[in-house]
Amino acid sequence: MSMRRIVLAGLTLIVIVLSVGPALLSSLEQQQISGRLELYQTDLMLQAQELATEEGSATQLRQAIMGKSPLDGAIEQYRSVRQEMTQHLEDVDGASRGQASGETDDAPLDSVEPTAPSVAPAAPPQATLDAVDQQQFLNRIDLRLGILYAEADNLDMARDRWQTVASAGQAAPATDGQAQTAAVLSGLWRDPPQLLPDAEAQIQRSLQGWFQTRALNQLYSLQQRGDAVNTLAAAEQELAQQSVIKLGLLGIGPAFGGVIGVGLLIFLGVQRIFQGKTSLLAETNQRSWTTPWTWEITWQVLIVGFFFIGQIVLPLILVFARFLIINPLIDSSAAAAAAGGRISAVSTLVAYLLLALSSIGVLYLSIRTYRPLPEDWFKLKITSRWPLWGLGGYFAAVPLVIGVSVINQQLWQGRGGSNPLLQIVLNETDPVALGLFFFTAAVAAPIFEECLFRGFLLPSLTRYMAVWPAIALSAFIFAAAHLSVSEILPLMVLGIVLGFVYTRSRSLLAPMLVHSLWNSATMMGLLILGSVE
């Protein structure tokens, strides 16, 4: 065995032990963001149902968007997510007790993903912080579920949810504010009512949207503040109108793309049946590349450039840089809170650009002796039909990925982790930070990832296998590189579409466009849902 292979084998083992393996295992214990996204959409529906409309077509349109019983649907949705959260907390608590008692020596690393690489041991203090965050979110669900039960005239269940939050506040001081809100709500729906002195301020501080409106309406009604009730009702109508528009935007885009995508897929299938070997799908397997290097070069670029330097070395450097440079510049907690979102956005972009530069740098050094490269390598054919391939690939990906995602959610039942960037963007409100996140996802990620996974990896694999197997294998590596187990299957389907588009168009601009459109649509959905709060 050559020295190069020995070094690559050693680095591969290091990457598996310190990065990829622990991150994938850690994602198994993490929850998907899909549950939270569904709750945000449920909150939109609750707000939209308050829109005052005349009988007839307007009412039918509202029912088509929200269903006939939004309240019952909201209760069911909140109960479902609460059940997943409760099970997750029990698992985390059991794992923490097992580590404390020495039942297991496994200490997985935090999730690592290409947009914000990080490596940090999951020490017990970090596990405790994660558990507190989960408990706060569970309390938030219980507060809102109690209001839903109260609106459905099930006061016993409402008080039970609020009592659960109060009990959690006694056990966890970090949730004391939520416990106070639970006491306020219990007093509002008690017989006779008990109005606490800071009830209004506590409701405005702890509740948002439809839930805040319902609680304030109950408070103002008990206080016999007619003007406040009328003002609240007017504000509720304005909020309801905005919510209907947001629901329409969330539904129209996927529906429109899905219809076009299904049509394209039917066309490809019919063409394959009637045209046989001359169809687009069949001809793809004859469009391989001439690859001058061996599998060792491909292995070297992925392991050294992307995983070892990008996922282990760079994150350590960034951790020290943040500790030595960024943290000293923020000399107060207020400044940290004000700049937190922008610092996170800049850090994510810088980390991603460094990851891209290191990977592309190793790629260049690895293949420079093979220049000039054969035809069709790393081509950006502006004069080709790449926009059509890009748009067609995006529309075809919509029904495929959505369909696989529905099945995937049933398989994982809310587990398996998600890209951490999604939750960060969902909670962010600063326009500058959101713009930086959007640029990272919609511009930086498509350019770099398509150059590496489609521009280099896919053609390199065609030296040893047919094009379709190469597309599938490169798509799997692309999906696995995101280091979230539950996302591997949907991302692999997206990667297959990207590979097909690149193979047919022979221009990296086409898969870059597909990738950019996909990430942009995801970001826009997060921005719409995030604005609910």
Protein backbone atom coordinates (compact mmCIF):
# COMPACT_ATOMS: atom_id res chain seq x y z
CA MET A 1 0.00 0.00 0.00
CA SER A 2 1.37 3.43 -0.98
CA MET A 3 2.05 6.13 1.60
CA ARG A 4 -0.75 8.25 0.12
CA ARG A 5 -3.30 5.51 0.73
CA ILE A 6 -2.05 5.01 4.29
CA VAL A 7 -2.40 8.73 5.04
CA LEU A 8 -5.83 8.92 3.42
CA ALA A 9 -6.99 5.86 5.36
CA GLY A 10 -5.77 7.45 8.60
CA LEU A 11 -7.51 10.77 7.85
CA THR A 12 -10.69 8.90 6.88
CA LEU A 13 -10.66 7.12 10.24
CA ILE A 14 -10.13 10.43 12.05
CA VAL A 15 -13.01 12.03 10.14
CA ILE A 16 -15.34 9.12 10.91
CA VAL A 17 -14.42 9.03 14.60
CA LEU A 18 -14.30 12.79 15.28
CA SER A 19 -16.84 14.25 12.86
CA VAL A 20 -19.10 12.26 10.56
CA GLY A 21 -19.88 9.27 12.80
CA PRO A 22 -20.63 11.22 16.00
CA ALA A 23 -22.60 13.86 14.11
CA LEU A 24 -24.84 11.29 12.41
CA LEU A 25 -25.33 9.40 15.67
CA SER A 26 -26.06 12.64 17.49
CA SER A 27 -28.68 13.59 14.90
CA LEU A 28 -30.58 10.39 15.73
CA GLU A 29 -31.36 11.88 19.15
CA GLN A 30 -32.31 15.29 17.80
CA GLN A 31 -35.75 16.40 16.74
CA GLN A 32 -36.64 17.55 13.27
CA ILE A 33 -37.70 21.14 12.80
CA SER A 34 -40.78 19.99 10.90
CA GLY A 35 -42.88 19.85 14.09
CA ARG A 36 -42.13 23.48 14.92
CA LEU A 37 -42.82 24.54 11.34
CA GLU A 38 -46.21 22.82 11.48
CA LEU A 39 -47.05 24.68 14.70
CA TYR A 40 -46.12 28.00 13.10
CA GLN A 41 -48.47 27.21 10.21
CA THR A 42 -51.15 26.15 12.67
CA ASP A 43 -50.81 29.53 14.40
CA LEU A 44 -51.33 31.23 11.05
CA MET A 45 -54.51 29.26 10.52
CA LEU A 46 -55.81 30.22 13.94
CA GLN A 47 -55.17 33.89 13.20
CA ALA A 48 -56.76 33.64 9.76
CA GLN A 49 -59.95 32.03 11.06
CA GLU A 50 -60.80 35.25 12.90
CA LEU A 51 -61.22 37.12 9.64
CA ALA A 52 -64.75 38.47 9.43
CA THR A 53 -66.28 37.48 6.06
CA GLU A 54 -69.70 37.48 4.53
CA GLU A 55 -71.43 34.19 3.87
CA GLY A 56 -70.82 32.63 0.49
CA SER A 57 -67.68 32.39 -1.59
CA ALA A 58 -65.47 34.14 0.99
CA THR A 59 -66.47 31.63 3.65
CA GLN A 60 -65.87 28.73 1.27
CA LEU A 61 -62.45 30.10 0.38
CA ARG A 62 -61.53 30.42 4.04
CA GLN A 63 -62.64 26.84 4.72
CA ALA A 64 -60.63 25.62 1.72
CA ILE A 65 -57.48 27.19 3.17
CA MET A 66 -58.01 26.42 6.87
CA GLY A 67 -60.49 23.55 7.00
CA LYS A 68 -63.91 23.46 8.63
CA SER A 69 -62.63 23.23 12.21
CA PRO A 70 -59.29 25.03 12.66
CA LEU A 71 -59.60 24.87 16.45
CA ASP A 72 -59.92 21.08 16.56
CA GLY A 73 -57.11 20.72 14.05
CA ALA A 74 -54.89 23.03 16.09
CA ILE A 75 -55.51 21.05 19.28
CA GLU A 76 -54.61 17.82 17.51
CA GLN A 77 -51.47 19.33 15.99
CA TYR A 78 -50.27 20.75 19.30
CA ARG A 79 -50.97 17.46 21.07
CA SER A 80 -49.02 15.54 18.45
CA VAL A 81 -45.95 17.77 18.68
CA ARG A 82 -46.20 17.77 22.48
CA GLN A 83 -46.12 13.97 22.50
CA GLU A 84 -42.96 13.97 20.36
CA MET A 85 -41.35 16.59 22.62
CA THR A 86 -42.21 14.69 25.79
CA GLN A 87 -40.71 11.49 24.45
CA HIS A 88 -37.59 13.36 23.37
CA LEU A 89 -37.15 14.94 26.82
CA GLU A 90 -37.54 11.55 28.46
CA ASP A 91 -34.87 10.13 26.17
CA VAL A 92 -32.49 13.02 26.88
CA ASP A 93 -33.08 12.71 30.62
CA GLY A 94 -32.47 8.97 30.49
CA ALA A 95 -29.26 9.42 28.49
CA SER A 96 -28.00 12.08 30.92
CA ARG A 97 -28.61 9.83 33.91
CA GLY A 98 -26.90 6.98 32.08
CA GLN A 99 -23.79 9.07 31.44
CA ALA A 100 -23.72 10.35 35.02
CA SER A 101 -23.91 6.81 36.41
CA GLY A 102 -21.28 5.49 34.00
CA GLU A 103 -23.72 3.35 32.00
CA THR A 104 -22.22 4.54 28.72
CA ASP A 105 -18.93 6.02 27.65
CA ASP A 106 -20.26 7.39 24.36
CA ALA A 107 -19.94 11.18 24.15
CA PRO A 108 -21.24 12.22 20.70
CA LEU A 109 -20.20 15.47 19.12
CA ASP A 110 -22.57 18.25 18.24
CA SER A 111 -24.12 18.11 14.80
CA VAL A 112 -21.89 19.39 12.05
CA GLU A 113 -23.26 20.60 8.74
CA PRO A 114 -21.76 22.37 5.75
CA THR A 115 -23.35 25.77 6.30
CA ALA A 116 -21.93 26.23 9.78
CA PRO A 117 -19.29 23.64 10.61
CA SER A 118 -18.60 23.19 14.31
CA VAL A 119 -17.04 20.56 16.49
CA ALA A 120 -17.70 20.59 20.23
CA PRO A 121 -17.95 17.77 22.77
CA ALA A 122 -21.45 17.17 24.07
CA ALA A 123 -20.40 17.55 27.70
CA PRO A 124 -23.03 17.32 30.47
CA PRO A 125 -23.38 21.15 30.84
CA GLN A 126 -24.28 21.43 27.13
CA ALA A 127 -26.76 18.59 27.47
CA THR A 128 -28.38 20.42 30.38
CA LEU A 129 -28.72 23.62 28.36
CA ASP A 130 -30.32 21.67 25.50
CA ALA A 131 -32.77 20.06 27.93
CA VAL A 132 -33.72 23.46 29.35
CA ASP A 133 -34.39 24.81 25.86
CA GLN A 134 -36.55 21.78 25.09
CA GLN A 135 -38.43 22.20 28.38
CA GLN A 136 -39.11 25.85 27.63
CA PHE A 137 -40.52 24.94 24.24
CA LEU A 138 -42.65 22.21 25.81
CA ASN A 139 -43.98 24.74 28.34
CA ARG A 140 -44.77 27.10 25.48
CA ILE A 141 -46.79 24.34 23.85
CA ASP A 142 -48.67 23.67 27.10
CA LEU A 143 -49.49 27.35 27.60
CA ARG A 144 -50.95 27.56 24.13
CA LEU A 145 -52.65 24.18 24.30
CA GLY A 146 -54.38 25.34 27.48
CA ILE A 147 -55.77 28.39 25.65
CA LEU A 148 -56.97 26.14 22.82
CA TYR A 149 -58.77 23.90 25.30
CA ALA A 150 -60.29 26.95 27.01
CA GLU A 151 -61.59 28.25 23.68
CA ALA A 152 -63.09 24.80 23.08
CA ASP A 153 -64.82 25.00 26.52
CA ASN A 154 -62.71 22.17 27.92
CA LEU A 155 -61.59 24.02 31.04
CA ASP A 156 -60.45 20.93 32.92
CA MET A 157 -57.90 20.08 30.25
CA ALA A 158 -56.86 23.73 30.03
CA ARG A 159 -56.13 23.95 33.76
CA ASP A 160 -54.27 20.64 33.61
CA ARG A 161 -51.91 22.01 30.94
CA TRP A 162 -51.28 25.22 32.88
CA GLN A 163 -50.70 23.30 36.10
CA THR A 164 -48.07 21.24 34.28
CA VAL A 165 -46.24 24.44 33.34
CA ALA A 166 -46.45 25.71 36.92
CA SER A 167 -44.96 22.46 38.21
CA ALA A 168 -42.16 22.62 35.65
CA GLY A 169 -41.37 26.16 36.81
CA GLN A 170 -40.80 24.92 40.35
CA ALA A 171 -38.34 22.29 39.11
CA ALA A 172 -36.54 24.53 36.58
CA PRO A 173 -35.93 28.18 37.56
CA ALA A 174 -35.19 29.04 33.91
CA THR A 175 -38.89 28.50 33.13
CA ASP A 176 -40.20 30.62 36.01
CA GLY A 177 -41.58 33.30 33.65
CA GLN A 178 -43.67 30.70 31.87
CA ALA A 179 -44.95 29.45 35.24
CA GLN A 180 -46.11 32.98 36.06
CA THR A 181 -47.96 33.15 32.73
CA ALA A 182 -49.61 29.83 33.54
CA ALA A 183 -50.82 31.30 36.85
CA VAL A 184 -52.23 34.33 35.01
CA LEU A 185 -54.12 32.15 32.52
CA SER A 186 -55.46 29.86 35.23
CA GLY A 187 -56.82 32.91 37.04
CA LEU A 188 -58.51 34.26 33.90
CA TRP A 189 -60.48 31.07 33.28
CA ARG A 190 -61.23 30.31 36.93
CA ASP A 191 -64.72 30.50 38.45
CA PRO A 192 -64.73 33.02 40.04
CA PRO A 193 -61.87 34.67 38.08
CA GLN A 194 -58.67 35.72 39.82
CA LEU A 195 -56.94 38.65 38.09
CA LEU A 196 -53.29 38.98 39.00
CA PRO A 197 -51.84 42.53 39.15
CA ASP A 198 -49.39 42.09 36.26
CA ALA A 199 -51.68 39.95 34.11
CA GLU A 200 -51.68 42.20 31.02
CA ALA A 201 -47.92 42.73 30.99
CA GLN A 202 -47.27 39.03 31.53
CA ILE A 203 -49.55 38.05 28.63
CA GLN A 204 -47.95 40.55 26.27
CA ARG A 205 -44.50 39.39 27.29
CA SER A 206 -45.04 35.63 27.06
CA LEU A 207 -47.69 35.07 24.37
CA GLN A 208 -47.89 36.06 20.72
CA GLY A 209 -50.37 36.21 17.88
CA TRP A 210 -53.74 34.52 18.24
CA PHE A 211 -52.94 33.21 21.72
CA GLN A 212 -52.09 36.68 23.03
CA THR A 213 -55.27 38.07 21.49
CA ARG A 214 -57.45 35.36 23.07
CA ALA A 215 -55.89 35.86 26.51
CA LEU A 216 -56.13 39.66 26.35
CA ASN A 217 -59.73 39.46 25.15
CA GLN A 218 -60.58 37.30 28.17
CA LEU A 219 -58.79 39.77 30.47
CA TYR A 220 -60.41 42.88 29.02
CA SER A 221 -63.85 41.26 29.07
CA LEU A 222 -63.49 40.40 32.75
CA GLN A 223 -62.28 43.94 33.45
CA GLN A 224 -65.25 45.31 31.45
CA ARG A 225 -62.92 47.41 29.29
CA GLY A 226 -65.11 47.79 26.20
CA ASP A 227 -62.78 50.20 24.38
CA ALA A 228 -59.84 47.85 24.84
CA VAL A 229 -61.92 44.94 23.51
CA ASN A 230 -62.90 46.92 20.40
CA THR A 231 -59.32 48.03 19.76
CA LEU A 232 -58.15 44.44 20.15
CA ALA A 233 -60.82 43.22 17.72
CA ALA A 234 -59.72 45.73 15.07
CA ALA A 235 -56.09 44.69 15.47
CA GLU A 236 -57.17 41.05 15.25
CA GLN A 237 -58.89 41.67 11.89
CA GLU A 238 -55.76 43.27 10.47
CA LEU A 239 -53.68 40.34 11.71
CA ALA A 240 -56.18 37.88 10.23
CA GLN A 241 -55.97 39.53 6.80
CA GLN A 242 -52.17 39.28 6.87
CA SER A 243 -52.38 35.64 7.92
CA VAL A 244 -54.68 34.71 5.04
CA ILE A 245 -52.18 36.27 2.60
CA LYS A 246 -49.29 34.38 4.22
CA LEU A 247 -51.17 31.10 4.07
CA GLY A 248 -51.88 31.73 0.41
CA LEU A 249 -48.21 32.38 -0.31
CA LEU A 250 -47.19 29.25 1.56
CA GLY A 251 -49.66 27.11 -0.36
CA ILE A 252 -49.62 28.58 -3.86
CA GLY A 253 -45.88 28.16 -4.48
CA PRO A 254 -45.60 24.42 -3.72
CA ALA A 255 -48.94 23.72 -5.40
CA PHE A 256 -47.97 25.54 -8.59
CA GLY A 257 -44.52 23.95 -8.67
CA GLY A 258 -45.96 20.53 -7.87
CA VAL A 259 -48.45 20.63 -10.74
CA ILE A 260 -45.78 21.64 -13.26
CA GLY A 261 -43.37 19.09 -11.80
CA VAL A 262 -45.85 16.23 -12.05
CA GLY A 263 -46.48 17.18 -15.66
CA LEU A 264 -42.74 17.12 -16.41
CA LEU A 265 -42.33 13.74 -14.72
CA ILE A 266 -45.24 12.30 -16.70
CA PHE A 267 -43.68 13.65 -19.90
CA LEU A 268 -40.32 12.00 -19.08
CA GLY A 269 -42.03 8.71 -18.29
CA VAL A 270 -44.14 8.69 -21.46
CA GLN A 271 -41.12 9.68 -23.56
CA ARG A 272 -39.10 6.84 -22.04
CA ILE A 273 -41.84 4.35 -22.97
CA PHE A 274 -42.34 5.50 -26.57
CA GLN A 275 -38.84 6.68 -27.55
CA GLY A 276 -36.84 4.05 -25.70
CA LYS A 277 -33.08 4.52 -25.95
CA THR A 278 -33.41 7.98 -27.49
CA SER A 279 -35.38 9.41 -24.55
CA LEU A 280 -33.87 11.91 -22.13
CA LEU A 281 -33.76 9.38 -19.29
CA ALA A 282 -32.17 6.63 -21.38
CA GLU A 283 -29.59 8.81 -23.12
CA THR A 284 -28.34 10.08 -19.78
CA ASN A 285 -26.46 6.83 -19.15
CA GLN A 286 -24.41 7.36 -22.34
CA ARG A 287 -23.14 10.82 -21.37
CA SER A 288 -20.11 9.99 -19.21
CA TRP A 289 -16.97 12.12 -18.79
CA THR A 290 -13.36 11.33 -19.64
CA THR A 291 -11.70 11.20 -16.20
CA PRO A 292 -7.88 11.30 -16.21
CA TRP A 293 -7.35 10.69 -12.47
CA THR A 294 -7.99 7.64 -10.31
CA TRP A 295 -10.25 7.12 -7.33
CA GLU A 296 -7.40 8.14 -4.99
CA ILE A 297 -7.64 11.75 -6.18
CA THR A 298 -11.40 11.76 -5.67
CA TRP A 299 -10.96 10.30 -2.19
CA GLN A 300 -8.27 12.84 -1.38
CA VAL A 301 -10.38 15.85 -2.34
CA LEU A 302 -13.39 14.74 -0.30
CA ILE A 303 -11.54 13.54 2.81
CA VAL A 304 -8.75 16.13 3.03
CA GLY A 305 -10.49 19.20 1.61
CA PHE A 306 -14.13 18.86 2.61
CA PHE A 307 -14.17 16.70 5.72
CA PHE A 308 -10.79 16.94 7.49
CA ILE A 309 -9.91 20.59 6.86
CA GLY A 310 -13.46 21.84 6.42
CA GLN A 311 -15.17 19.94 9.23
CA ILE A 312 -12.42 19.52 11.82
CA VAL A 313 -9.52 21.96 11.34
CA LEU A 314 -11.50 25.08 10.34
CA PRO A 315 -14.12 24.77 13.11
CA LEU A 316 -11.37 24.61 15.72
CA ILE A 317 -9.74 27.70 14.24
CA LEU A 318 -13.08 29.52 14.23
CA VAL A 319 -13.76 28.58 17.85
CA PHE A 320 -10.46 30.13 18.92
CA ALA A 321 -11.03 33.17 16.70
CA ARG A 322 -14.44 33.78 18.27
CA PHE A 323 -13.01 33.38 21.75
CA LEU A 324 -10.00 35.64 21.17
CA ILE A 325 -11.44 38.27 18.80
CA ILE A 326 -15.24 38.44 18.72
CA ASN A 327 -16.15 37.86 22.37
CA PRO A 328 -13.80 40.60 23.73
CA LEU A 329 -15.43 43.11 21.37
CA ILE A 330 -18.79 42.50 23.03
CA ASP A 331 -18.37 43.86 26.53
CA SER A 332 -21.95 43.62 27.75
CA SER A 333 -24.86 41.24 27.58
CA ALA A 334 -27.00 43.97 26.01
CA ALA A 335 -24.49 44.42 23.21
CA ALA A 336 -24.29 40.68 22.76
CA ALA A 337 -28.07 40.43 22.45
CA ALA A 338 -28.21 43.29 19.95
CA ALA A 339 -25.40 41.96 17.79
CA GLY A 340 -26.06 38.25 18.28
CA GLY A 341 -28.06 37.69 15.11
CA ARG A 342 -25.64 39.54 12.85
CA ILE A 343 -22.61 37.88 14.43
CA SER A 344 -24.23 34.50 13.91
CA ALA A 345 -25.01 35.34 10.27
CA VAL A 346 -21.51 36.67 9.55
CA SER A 347 -19.93 33.70 11.32
CA THR A 348 -22.02 31.29 9.25
CA LEU A 349 -21.09 33.01 5.99
CA VAL A 350 -17.38 33.24 6.86
CA ALA A 351 -17.31 29.60 7.98
CA TYR A 352 -18.98 28.51 4.78
CA LEU A 353 -16.67 30.56 2.56
CA LEU A 354 -13.62 29.15 4.36
CA LEU A 355 -15.02 25.65 3.91
CA ALA A 356 -15.49 26.34 0.20
CA LEU A 357 -12.02 27.83 -0.21
CA SER A 358 -10.31 24.96 1.58
CA SER A 359 -12.19 22.34 -0.45
CA ILE A 360 -11.66 24.08 -3.78
CA GLY A 361 -8.02 24.71 -2.88
CA VAL A 362 -7.39 21.03 -2.21
CA LEU A 363 -9.30 20.19 -5.41
CA TYR A 364 -7.12 22.51 -7.48
CA LEU A 365 -3.87 21.21 -6.00
CA SER A 366 -5.00 17.63 -6.54
CA ILE A 367 -5.85 17.92 -10.25
CA ARG A 368 -3.54 20.69 -11.47
CA THR A 369 -1.07 18.18 -12.93
CA TYR A 370 -3.86 16.88 -15.20
CA ARG A 371 -4.39 20.22 -16.93
CA PRO A 372 -5.61 20.91 -19.54
CA LEU A 373 -8.70 18.99 -18.49
CA PRO A 374 -10.80 17.02 -20.99
CA GLU A 375 -13.85 18.61 -22.55
CA ASP A 376 -16.96 19.29 -20.41
CA TRP A 377 -15.14 19.58 -17.07
CA PHE A 378 -16.32 22.47 -14.82
CA LYS A 379 -18.11 24.19 -17.69
CA LEU A 380 -20.29 27.28 -17.21
CA LYS A 381 -21.97 27.37 -20.61
CA ILE A 382 -23.78 30.68 -20.65
CA THR A 383 -24.92 30.23 -24.26
CA SER A 384 -26.54 26.83 -23.63
CA ARG A 385 -30.12 26.14 -22.55
CA TRP A 386 -29.12 25.94 -18.88
CA PRO A 387 -31.98 28.22 -17.66
CA LEU A 388 -34.55 25.79 -19.10
CA TRP A 389 -32.77 22.81 -17.55
CA GLY A 390 -32.54 24.68 -14.26
CA LEU A 391 -36.21 25.65 -14.13
CA GLY A 392 -37.31 22.21 -15.32
CA GLY A 393 -35.12 20.52 -12.74
CA TYR A 394 -36.53 22.66 -9.93
CA PHE A 395 -40.14 21.98 -10.86
CA ALA A 396 -39.45 18.25 -11.23
CA ALA A 397 -37.76 18.21 -7.82
CA VAL A 398 -40.78 19.76 -6.03
CA PRO A 399 -43.20 16.78 -6.16
CA LEU A 400 -40.38 14.23 -5.85
CA VAL A 401 -38.80 15.71 -2.73
CA ILE A 402 -42.12 16.63 -1.11
CA GLY A 403 -43.46 13.11 -1.70
CA VAL A 404 -40.34 11.48 -0.29
CA SER A 405 -40.34 13.91 2.65
CA VAL A 406 -43.88 12.90 3.63
CA ILE A 407 -42.86 9.25 3.67
CA ASN A 408 -39.62 10.13 5.44
CA GLN A 409 -41.45 11.92 8.26
CA GLN A 410 -43.55 8.84 8.87
CA LEU A 411 -40.41 6.72 9.08
CA TRP A 412 -38.58 8.95 11.54
CA GLN A 413 -41.55 10.27 13.54
CA GLY A 414 -39.98 13.68 14.14
CA ARG A 415 -36.50 12.35 14.97
CA GLY A 416 -33.23 12.35 13.08
CA GLY A 417 -32.24 16.01 13.31
CA SER A 418 -32.46 18.96 10.94
CA ASN A 419 -30.13 21.60 9.58
CA PRO A 420 -29.51 23.98 12.55
CA LEU A 421 -29.60 26.94 10.19
CA LEU A 422 -33.35 26.43 9.66
CA GLN A 423 -34.18 27.05 13.32
CA ILE A 424 -31.82 30.04 13.48
CA VAL A 425 -33.45 31.69 10.47
CA LEU A 426 -36.93 30.91 11.80
CA ASN A 427 -36.22 32.81 15.02
CA GLU A 428 -34.23 35.68 13.48
CA THR A 429 -35.82 39.12 13.02
CA ASP A 430 -32.89 41.35 12.07
CA PRO A 431 -33.05 42.20 8.32
CA VAL A 432 -29.27 42.36 7.92
CA ALA A 433 -28.80 38.95 9.52
CA LEU A 434 -31.59 37.47 7.42
CA GLY A 435 -30.01 38.92 4.27
CA LEU A 436 -26.68 37.32 5.11
CA PHE A 437 -28.33 33.97 5.83
CA PHE A 438 -30.22 34.22 2.55
CA PHE A 439 -27.01 34.96 0.62
CA THR A 440 -25.29 31.97 2.25
CA ALA A 441 -28.12 29.59 1.39
CA ALA A 442 -29.15 30.89 -2.03
CA VAL A 443 -25.79 31.95 -3.52
CA ALA A 444 -22.75 30.61 -1.67
CA ALA A 445 -24.08 27.10 -1.05
CA PRO A 446 -25.24 26.40 -4.64
CA ILE A 447 -21.99 27.64 -6.20
CA PHE A 448 -19.67 25.67 -3.92
CA GLU A 449 -21.68 22.47 -3.52
CA GLU A 450 -22.42 22.15 -7.22
CA CYS A 451 -18.75 22.65 -8.10
CA LEU A 452 -17.72 19.94 -5.65
CA PHE A 453 -20.47 17.33 -5.82
CA ARG A 454 -21.67 17.71 -9.41
CA GLY A 455 -18.71 19.41 -11.07
CA PHE A 456 -16.04 17.11 -9.60
CA LEU A 457 -17.45 14.08 -7.78
CA LEU A 458 -20.11 12.96 -10.26
CA PRO A 459 -17.87 13.01 -13.37
CA SER A 460 -15.03 11.37 -11.41
CA LEU A 461 -17.28 8.44 -10.52
CA THR A 462 -18.17 7.82 -14.19
CA ARG A 463 -14.65 6.41 -14.68
CA TYR A 464 -15.72 3.36 -12.67
CA MET A 465 -19.48 3.11 -13.21
CA ALA A 466 -22.31 4.11 -15.51
CA VAL A 467 -23.76 7.60 -15.27
CA TRP A 468 -26.98 6.75 -13.41
CA PRO A 469 -25.17 4.83 -10.62
CA ALA A 470 -22.66 7.71 -10.45
CA ILE A 471 -25.54 10.18 -10.10
CA ALA A 472 -27.05 8.09 -7.31
CA LEU A 473 -23.76 7.61 -5.42
CA SER A 474 -22.77 11.28 -5.68
CA ALA A 475 -26.28 12.23 -4.51
CA PHE A 476 -25.94 9.95 -1.48
CA ILE A 477 -22.56 11.45 -0.54
CA PHE A 478 -24.03 14.94 -1.03
CA ALA A 479 -26.93 14.09 1.29
CA ALA A 480 -24.77 12.38 3.90
CA ALA A 481 -22.40 15.38 3.95
CA HIS A 482 -25.19 17.42 5.57
CA LEU A 483 -24.80 15.11 8.59
CA SER A 484 -28.47 14.80 9.47
CA VAL A 485 -29.82 11.26 9.27
CA SER A 486 -33.45 12.16 8.67
CA GLU A 487 -32.54 14.44 5.76
CA ILE A 488 -30.46 11.91 3.83
CA LEU A 489 -33.35 10.47 1.81
CA PRO A 490 -34.96 13.78 0.67
CA LEU A 491 -31.58 15.36 -0.03
CA MET A 492 -30.52 12.31 -2.01
CA VAL A 493 -33.59 12.68 -4.22
CA LEU A 494 -32.74 16.35 -4.72
CA GLY A 495 -29.14 15.35 -5.48
CA ILE A 496 -30.32 12.89 -8.14
CA VAL A 497 -32.29 15.66 -9.85
CA LEU A 498 -29.27 17.95 -9.67
CA GLY A 499 -27.06 15.22 -11.15
CA PHE A 500 -29.50 14.52 -13.99
CA VAL A 501 -29.76 18.22 -14.82
CA TYR A 502 -25.97 18.61 -14.90
CA THR A 503 -25.47 15.48 -16.97
CA ARG A 504 -27.96 16.63 -19.59
CA SER A 505 -27.09 20.34 -19.69
CA ARG A 506 -23.30 19.95 -19.36
CA SER A 507 -23.29 23.35 -17.63
CA LEU A 508 -22.84 23.82 -13.88
CA LEU A 509 -25.08 26.88 -14.13
CA ALA A 510 -28.12 24.59 -14.49
CA PRO A 511 -27.77 22.64 -11.18
CA MET A 512 -26.65 25.87 -9.49
CA LEU A 513 -29.97 27.42 -10.55
CA VAL A 514 -31.95 24.42 -9.28
CA HIS A 515 -30.07 24.48 -5.99
CA SER A 516 -30.49 28.24 -5.60
CA LEU A 517 -34.22 28.14 -6.35
CA TRP A 518 -34.72 25.30 -3.88
CA ASN A 519 -32.84 27.02 -1.06
CA SER A 520 -34.49 30.35 -1.83
CA ALA A 521 -37.97 28.81 -1.64
CA THR A 522 -37.06 27.19 1.67
CA MET A 523 -35.76 30.48 3.06
CA MET A 524 -38.84 32.38 1.91
CA GLY A 525 -41.07 29.85 3.64
CA LEU A 526 -39.08 30.27 6.85
CA LEU A 527 -39.32 34.06 6.60
CA ILE A 528 -43.09 33.90 6.19
CA LEU A 529 -43.54 31.48 9.09
CA GLY A 530 -41.04 33.34 11.27
CA SER A 531 -43.05 36.54 10.86
CA VAL A 532 -45.99 34.87 12.62
CA GLU A 533 -44.42 35.71 15.97
